[in-house]
């Protein structure tokens, strides 16, 4: 039954976040709601980094099949087909509280990425430099050529809001929207933990 062990990694209550922290490998921890801690704490979870430096909680079944903590949590309420992904609204792959998890397509999930790998010389998502001008693109849509980098970034934001809605990761987010430079440290808060 996977990597269920009697010598589990520590779990602790985080009063600031109003949730539990499940310790993973490599010094990481994942945030989990009280209603999910009983199921999640039965297993040892590891930290897994993606090529884009997002870290997730993961365990493997006996056949080597990966089980991600965020999918494991929502699988209690939903039959999750493989073409539906679980997206972290705040972009933190270790924040597995239900208020941060939402179902989406692969395309919707991809739009919620921070701008960690800057395109060409622009510091903004969806903007690249061509000579002394700036080109704004949203996916494969060419949005225009601009004299000003900020104007190009704003054009990207308008198109991303229209195309991706709540999944958009924006250069100039408004209240409640996710920014392209948002990096949450919520899952790496320090605290003393004990085995539950």
Protein backbone atom coordinates (compact mmCIF):
# COMPACT_ATOMS: atom_id res chain seq x y z
CA UNK A 1 0.00 0.00 0.00
CA UNK A 2 2.58 2.57 -1.04
CA UNK A 3 5.03 3.95 1.47
CA UNK A 4 2.83 3.78 4.54
CA UNK A 5 5.17 3.36 7.53
CA UNK A 6 4.96 3.23 11.29
CA UNK A 7 7.92 5.64 11.55
CA UNK A 8 6.23 8.58 9.86
CA UNK A 9 7.72 12.02 9.37
CA UNK A 10 6.64 14.70 11.85
CA UNK A 11 3.38 16.61 11.57
CA UNK A 12 2.74 19.84 13.48
CA UNK A 13 0.02 22.46 13.87
CA UNK A 14 0.81 25.91 12.47
CA UNK A 15 -1.39 28.42 14.35
CA UNK A 16 -0.48 31.31 12.01
CA UNK A 17 -1.65 29.41 8.92
CA UNK A 18 -4.47 27.61 10.80
CA UNK A 19 -3.44 24.26 9.34
CA UNK A 20 -1.03 21.36 9.74
CA UNK A 21 2.47 21.15 8.32
CA UNK A 22 3.59 17.76 7.04
CA UNK A 23 7.36 17.47 6.96
CA UNK A 24 8.80 16.25 3.67
CA UNK A 25 12.33 15.40 2.63
CA UNK A 26 15.00 18.01 1.77
CA UNK A 27 13.85 20.34 4.57
CA UNK A 28 10.46 21.15 3.00
CA UNK A 29 7.01 20.94 4.53
CA UNK A 30 3.52 21.01 3.02
CA UNK A 31 0.44 22.78 4.39
CA UNK A 32 -2.64 20.56 4.88
CA UNK A 33 -6.11 21.29 6.27
CA UNK A 34 -7.25 19.64 9.53
CA UNK A 35 -9.88 17.59 7.68
CA UNK A 36 -7.15 16.01 5.50
CA UNK A 37 -4.35 15.43 8.01
CA UNK A 38 -5.60 11.99 9.10
CA UNK A 39 -5.35 10.59 5.57
CA UNK A 40 -2.17 12.46 4.60
CA UNK A 41 -0.26 11.61 7.78
CA UNK A 42 -0.61 7.86 7.13
CA UNK A 43 2.14 8.16 4.50
CA UNK A 44 5.67 9.48 4.22
CA UNK A 45 5.76 12.24 1.62
CA UNK A 46 8.87 13.44 -0.20
CA UNK A 47 9.71 16.79 -1.76
CA UNK A 48 9.92 16.72 -5.55
CA UNK A 49 11.28 19.69 -7.54
CA UNK A 50 10.21 20.32 -11.11
CA UNK A 51 12.36 21.80 -13.86
CA UNK A 52 10.63 25.14 -13.14
CA UNK A 53 11.68 24.94 -9.47
CA UNK A 54 8.20 24.29 -8.12
CA UNK A 55 8.26 21.86 -5.21
CA UNK A 56 5.46 19.35 -4.59
CA UNK A 57 4.72 16.69 -1.98
CA UNK A 58 4.90 13.24 -3.58
CA UNK A 59 4.93 9.56 -2.68
CA UNK A 60 5.20 6.49 -4.87
CA UNK A 61 3.06 3.38 -4.99
CA UNK A 62 4.69 -0.07 -5.12
CA UNK A 63 4.65 0.06 -8.92
CA UNK A 64 6.53 3.39 -8.89
CA UNK A 65 3.47 5.42 -9.87
CA UNK A 66 3.69 8.95 -8.38
CA UNK A 67 0.93 10.19 -6.09
CA UNK A 68 0.99 13.96 -5.59
CA UNK A 69 -0.24 15.28 -2.24
CA UNK A 70 -2.57 17.88 -3.83
CA UNK A 71 -4.26 15.24 -6.05
CA UNK A 72 -4.43 12.83 -3.10
CA UNK A 73 -6.30 15.45 -1.05
CA UNK A 74 -8.90 16.26 -3.71
CA UNK A 75 -9.31 12.60 -4.71
CA UNK A 76 -11.39 12.17 -1.55
CA UNK A 77 -14.12 14.36 -3.08
CA UNK A 78 -13.57 13.99 -6.84
CA UNK A 79 -12.90 11.21 -9.31
CA UNK A 80 -9.96 12.92 -11.01
CA UNK A 81 -9.43 11.86 -14.63
CA UNK A 82 -5.83 12.15 -15.86
CA UNK A 83 -6.67 15.12 -18.14
CA UNK A 84 -7.83 17.23 -15.16
CA UNK A 85 -5.09 18.82 -13.09
CA UNK A 86 -5.10 20.23 -9.59
CA UNK A 87 -3.86 23.82 -9.66
CA UNK A 88 -2.41 25.74 -6.70
CA UNK A 89 -4.10 29.16 -6.90
CA UNK A 90 -1.23 30.93 -5.13
CA UNK A 91 1.44 29.09 -7.15
CA UNK A 92 2.96 27.39 -4.09
CA UNK A 93 3.07 23.66 -4.84
CA UNK A 94 3.41 22.89 -1.13
CA UNK A 95 0.27 24.79 -0.08
CA UNK A 96 -2.17 21.89 -0.21
CA UNK A 97 -4.96 23.55 1.76
CA UNK A 98 -8.29 23.13 -0.01
CA UNK A 99 -8.81 26.89 -0.28
CA UNK A 100 -5.70 26.97 -2.49
CA UNK A 101 -6.55 23.95 -4.68
CA UNK A 102 -8.74 24.10 -7.78
CA UNK A 103 -9.42 21.83 -10.71
CA UNK A 104 -8.35 22.89 -14.19
CA UNK A 105 -7.07 21.81 -17.54
CA UNK A 106 -3.37 21.52 -18.35
CA UNK A 107 -3.60 24.85 -20.19
CA UNK A 108 -5.27 26.62 -17.26
CA UNK A 109 -2.71 25.24 -14.84
CA UNK A 110 0.15 26.40 -17.09
CA UNK A 111 -1.12 30.00 -17.02
CA UNK A 112 -0.66 30.18 -13.26
CA UNK A 113 3.14 29.96 -13.45
CA UNK A 114 5.35 32.71 -12.14
CA UNK A 115 7.79 34.36 -14.50
CA UNK A 116 10.85 32.52 -13.17
CA UNK A 117 12.58 32.19 -16.53
CA UNK A 118 12.63 35.66 -18.02
CA UNK A 119 11.87 35.77 -21.70
CA UNK A 120 14.77 37.42 -23.50
CA UNK A 121 15.55 40.71 -21.76
CA UNK A 122 12.17 41.72 -20.35
CA UNK A 123 11.38 41.40 -16.69
CA UNK A 124 7.68 40.98 -17.54
CA UNK A 125 5.70 37.89 -18.45
CA UNK A 126 4.55 37.83 -22.08
CA UNK A 127 7.01 40.52 -23.22
CA UNK A 128 10.15 40.16 -25.34
CA UNK A 129 12.59 42.74 -26.65
CA UNK A 130 13.21 43.28 -30.36
CA UNK A 131 15.80 45.97 -30.88
CA UNK A 132 14.61 49.07 -29.05
CA UNK A 133 10.95 47.99 -29.01
CA UNK A 134 8.85 45.53 -27.03
CA UNK A 135 6.56 42.78 -28.33
CA UNK A 136 3.63 41.53 -26.25
CA UNK A 137 2.39 37.97 -26.77
CA UNK A 138 -0.18 35.89 -24.95
CA UNK A 139 0.29 32.27 -25.88
CA UNK A 140 0.43 32.35 -29.70
CA UNK A 141 -1.41 35.66 -30.01
CA UNK A 142 0.72 38.61 -31.11
CA UNK A 143 -0.66 41.61 -29.19
CA UNK A 144 1.42 44.35 -30.70
CA UNK A 145 4.75 46.15 -30.77
CA UNK A 146 5.31 48.84 -28.15
CA UNK A 147 7.85 51.58 -27.55
CA UNK A 148 7.46 51.04 -23.81
CA UNK A 149 8.07 47.76 -21.92
CA UNK A 150 5.38 48.57 -19.33
CA UNK A 151 2.76 49.21 -22.02
CA UNK A 152 3.59 45.82 -23.55
CA UNK A 153 3.27 44.16 -20.12
CA UNK A 154 -0.12 45.84 -19.59
CA UNK A 155 -1.28 44.55 -23.00
CA UNK A 156 -0.28 41.04 -21.94
CA UNK A 157 -2.26 41.41 -18.70
CA UNK A 158 -5.42 42.49 -20.55
CA UNK A 159 -5.19 39.52 -22.92
CA UNK A 160 -4.33 37.06 -20.12
CA UNK A 161 -7.33 38.18 -18.04
CA UNK A 162 -9.61 37.68 -21.04
CA UNK A 163 -8.10 34.34 -22.07
CA UNK A 164 -7.34 32.70 -18.71
CA UNK A 165 -9.63 34.39 -16.17
CA UNK A 166 -8.78 33.41 -12.57
CA UNK A 167 -5.87 31.27 -13.80
CA UNK A 168 -4.00 34.27 -15.24
CA UNK A 169 -0.62 35.07 -13.71
CA UNK A 170 -0.17 38.80 -14.27
CA UNK A 171 2.50 41.47 -14.35
CA UNK A 172 0.33 44.06 -12.57
CA UNK A 173 -2.17 42.06 -10.50
CA UNK A 174 -5.19 43.69 -8.89
CA UNK A 175 -6.50 42.63 -5.49
CA UNK A 176 -7.13 38.87 -5.47
CA UNK A 177 -5.10 38.21 -8.64
CA UNK A 178 -1.81 36.31 -8.83
CA UNK A 179 1.32 38.16 -9.86
CA UNK A 180 3.99 36.81 -12.21
CA UNK A 181 6.68 37.42 -9.59
CA UNK A 182 4.77 35.90 -6.65
CA UNK A 183 6.79 33.30 -4.82
CA UNK A 184 5.14 32.07 -1.65
CA UNK A 185 7.28 30.98 1.27
CA UNK A 186 4.25 29.85 3.27
CA UNK A 187 5.21 26.18 3.12
CA UNK A 188 8.66 26.65 4.54
CA UNK A 189 7.74 28.27 7.84
CA UNK A 190 9.76 26.98 10.75
CA UNK A 191 8.17 25.33 13.75
CA UNK A 192 8.68 22.44 16.08
CA UNK A 193 6.93 19.27 14.96
CA UNK A 194 6.23 15.95 16.55
CA UNK A 195 5.00 12.67 15.15
CA UNK A 196 1.20 12.50 15.37
